[in-house]
């Protein structure tokens, strides 16, 4: 199932390590797998329907479940804030 944040690619429950895929061509890498301990985050701000939106893609390259991580949005010049404090995956 596709979702707005690309979270279907986290590999939750998978037992084999997926091959490290390059970042999506249209999204710059924000957090590489070394700093993210196997979690890669790519994203950028874009305009959708006249409003700024933060588009993200997360990839799990650990081969195990990912849990206990959080994404923090600091104050920014775009005034973007999360629409919801928690996202179910």
Foldseek 3Di string as FASTA:
>chain_A
DDDQAQVVQACAPFQAFDDDDDDDPVWAWDDDCVRVVQKTKTWDWDADPNAIDIGMHIHGRPNYHDDDDDDDDDDDPRRDDDPDRDDDD
